Amino acid sequence: MKAILGRKVGMTQVFGEDGEAVSVTVIEAGPCY
């Protein structure tokens, strides 16, 4: 199983080439050891 641990920073929107808005979650991931 693969996973990424991180901290939720916030939410935002990105826009596709067709103008469609998509909601995304911004995650801060630290260094992987």
PDB file of N, CA and C in Angstrom:
ATOM      1  N   MET A   1       0.846  -1.177   0.000  1.00  0.00           N
ATOM      2  CA  MET A   1       0.000   0.000   0.000  1.00  0.00           C
ATOM      3  C   MET A   1       0.889   1.237   0.000  1.00  0.00           C
ATOM      4  N   LYS A   2       0.575   2.197  -0.842  1.00  0.00           N
ATOM      5  CA  LYS A   2       1.317   3.455  -0.903  1.00  0.00           C
ATOM      6  C   LYS A   2       0.442   4.572  -0.362  1.00  0.00           C
ATOM      7  N   ALA A   3       1.060   5.485   0.383  1.00  0.00           N
ATOM      8  CA  ALA A   3       0.311   6.590   0.971  1.00  0.00           C
ATOM      9  C   ALA A   3       1.221   7.799   1.130  1.00  0.00           C
ATOM     10  N   ILE A   4       0.609   8.959   1.242  1.00  0.00           N
ATOM     11  CA  ILE A   4       1.319  10.199   1.537  1.00  0.00           C
ATOM     12  C   ILE A   4       0.668  10.798   2.783  1.00  0.00           C
ATOM     13  N   LEU A   5       1.493  11.115   3.771  1.00  0.00           N
ATOM     14  CA  LEU A   5       0.983  11.782   4.959  1.00  0.00           C
ATOM     15  C   LEU A   5       1.237  13.274   4.812  1.00  0.00           C
ATOM     16  N   GLY A   6       0.274  14.064   5.218  1.00  0.00           N
ATOM     17  CA  GLY A   6       0.435  15.503   5.097  1.00  0.00           C
ATOM     18  C   GLY A   6      -0.550  16.242   5.980  1.00  0.00           C
ATOM     19  N   ARG A   7      -0.493  17.558   5.909  1.00  0.00           N
ATOM     20  CA  ARG A   7      -1.361  18.432   6.685  1.00  0.00           C
ATOM     21  C   ARG A   7      -2.211  19.242   5.719  1.00  0.00           C
ATOM     22  N   LYS A   8      -3.507  19.292   5.994  1.00  0.00           N
ATOM     23  CA  LYS A   8      -4.409  20.052   5.129  1.00  0.00           C
ATOM     24  C   LYS A   8      -4.154  21.544   5.317  1.00  0.00           C
ATOM     25  N   VAL A   9      -3.856  22.226   4.218  1.00  0.00           N
ATOM     26  CA  VAL A   9      -3.584  23.662   4.244  1.00  0.00           C
ATOM     27  C   VAL A   9      -4.867  24.441   3.960  1.00  0.00           C
ATOM     28  N   GLY A  10      -5.671  23.961   3.029  1.00  0.00           N
ATOM     29  CA  GLY A  10      -6.908  24.663   2.691  1.00  0.00           C
ATOM     30  C   GLY A  10      -7.538  24.109   1.432  1.00  0.00           C
ATOM     31  N   MET A  11      -8.513  24.851   0.937  1.00  0.00           N
ATOM     32  CA  MET A  11      -9.230  24.481  -0.279  1.00  0.00           C
ATOM     33  C   MET A  11      -9.103  25.627  -1.276  1.00  0.00           C
ATOM     34  N   THR A  12      -9.131  25.278  -2.566  1.00  0.00           N
ATOM     35  CA  THR A  12      -9.091  26.290  -3.618  1.00  0.00           C
ATOM     36  C   THR A  12      -9.788  25.729  -4.851  1.00  0.00           C
ATOM     37  N   GLN A  13      -9.801  26.490  -5.921  1.00  0.00           N
ATOM     38  CA  GLN A  13     -10.374  26.035  -7.185  1.00  0.00           C
ATOM     39  C   GLN A  13      -9.344  26.201  -8.288  1.00  0.00           C
ATOM     40  N   VAL A  14      -9.332  25.250  -9.196  1.00  0.00           N
ATOM     41  CA  VAL A  14      -8.528  25.374 -10.410  1.00  0.00           C
ATOM     42  C   VAL A  14      -9.486  25.309 -11.587  1.00  0.00           C
ATOM     43  N   PHE A  15      -9.098  25.924 -12.699  1.00  0.00           N
ATOM     44  CA  PHE A  15      -9.966  26.001 -13.867  1.00  0.00           C
ATOM     45  C   PHE A  15      -9.342  25.247 -15.026  1.00  0.00           C
ATOM     46  N   GLY A  16     -10.133  24.394 -15.668  1.00  0.00           N
ATOM     47  CA  GLY A  16      -9.679  23.663 -16.842  1.00  0.00           C
ATOM     48  C   GLY A  16      -9.689  24.552 -18.070  1.00  0.00           C
ATOM     49  N   GLU A  17      -9.181  24.014 -19.161  1.00  0.00           N
ATOM     50  CA  GLU A  17      -9.124  24.770 -20.415  1.00  0.00           C
ATOM     51  C   GLU A  17     -10.511  25.163 -20.908  1.00  0.00           C
ATOM     52  N   ASP A  18     -11.515  24.365 -20.558  1.00  0.00           N
ATOM     53  CA  ASP A  18     -12.885  24.670 -20.981  1.00  0.00           C
ATOM     54  C   ASP A  18     -13.592  25.625 -20.023  1.00  0.00           C
ATOM     55  N   GLY A  19     -12.885  26.101 -18.977  1.00  0.00           N
ATOM     56  CA  GLY A  19     -13.468  27.038 -18.030  1.00  0.00           C
ATOM     57  C   GLY A  19     -14.174  26.390 -16.856  1.00  0.00           C
ATOM     58  N   GLU A  20     -14.199  25.067 -16.809  1.00  0.00           N
ATOM     59  CA  GLU A  20     -14.860  24.363 -15.716  1.00  0.00           C
ATOM     60  C   GLU A  20     -14.028  24.477 -14.440  1.00  0.00           C
ATOM     61  N   ALA A  21     -14.667  24.864 -13.329  1.00  0.00           N
ATOM     62  CA  ALA A  21     -13.988  24.996 -12.038  1.00  0.00           C
ATOM     63  C   ALA A  21     -14.018  23.653 -11.315  1.00  0.00           C
ATOM     64  N   VAL A  22     -12.868  23.275 -10.750  1.00  0.00           N
ATOM     65  CA  VAL A  22     -12.755  22.030  -9.995  1.00  0.00           C
ATOM     66  C   VAL A  22     -12.220  22.375  -8.608  1.00  0.00           C
ATOM     67  N   SER A  23     -12.920  21.939  -7.562  1.00  0.00           N
ATOM     68  CA  SER A  23     -12.458  22.178  -6.198  1.00  0.00           C
ATOM     69  C   SER A  23     -11.344  21.202  -5.858  1.00  0.00           C
ATOM     70  N   VAL A  24     -10.274  21.709  -5.230  1.00  0.00           N
ATOM     71  CA  VAL A  24      -9.144  20.862  -4.844  1.00  0.00           C
ATOM     72  C   VAL A  24      -8.750  21.172  -3.405  1.00  0.00           C
ATOM     73  N   THR A  25      -8.151  20.185  -2.738  1.00  0.00           N
ATOM     74  CA  THR A  25      -7.625  20.344  -1.392  1.00  0.00           C
ATOM     75  C   THR A  25      -6.119  20.516  -1.483  1.00  0.00           C
ATOM     76  N   VAL A  26      -5.580  21.517  -0.786  1.00  0.00           N
ATOM     77  CA  VAL A  26      -4.139  21.773  -0.772  1.00  0.00           C
ATOM     78  C   VAL A  26      -3.551  21.058   0.439  1.00  0.00           C
ATOM     79  N   ILE A  27      -2.564  20.184   0.199  1.00  0.00           N
ATOM     80  CA  ILE A  27      -1.917  19.394   1.247  1.00  0.00           C
ATOM     81  C   ILE A  27      -0.441  19.756   1.309  1.00  0.00           C
ATOM     82  N   GLU A  28       0.083  19.966   2.522  1.00  0.00           N
ATOM     83  CA  GLU A  28       1.517  20.186   2.714  1.00  0.00           C
ATOM     84  C   GLU A  28       2.119  18.863   3.159  1.00  0.00           C
ATOM     85  N   ALA A  29       3.040  18.334   2.357  1.00  0.00           N
ATOM     86  CA  ALA A  29       3.708  17.073   2.679  1.00  0.00           C
ATOM     87  C   ALA A  29       5.159  17.366   3.037  1.00  0.00           C
ATOM     88  N   GLY A  30       5.620  16.791   4.131  1.00  0.00           N
ATOM     89  CA  GLY A  30       6.988  17.018   4.600  1.00  0.00           C
ATOM     90  C   GLY A  30       7.981  16.122   3.892  1.00  0.00           C
ATOM     91  N   PRO A  31       9.245  16.182   4.317  1.00  0.00           N
ATOM     92  CA  PRO A  31      10.276  15.347   3.697  1.00  0.00           C
ATOM     93  C   PRO A  31      10.019  13.861   3.955  1.00  0.00           C
ATOM     94  N   CYS A  32      10.317  13.050   2.973  1.00  0.00           N
ATOM     95  CA  CYS A  32      10.157  11.596   3.095  1.00  0.00           C
ATOM     96  C   CYS A  32      11.510  10.980   3.440  1.00  0.00           C
ATOM     97  N   TYR A  33      11.532  10.159   4.449  1.00  0.00           N
ATOM     98  CA  TYR A  33      12.780   9.508   4.859  1.00  0.00           C
ATOM     99  C   TYR A  33      12.737   8.040   4.549  1.00  0.00           C
TER     100      TYR A  33
END
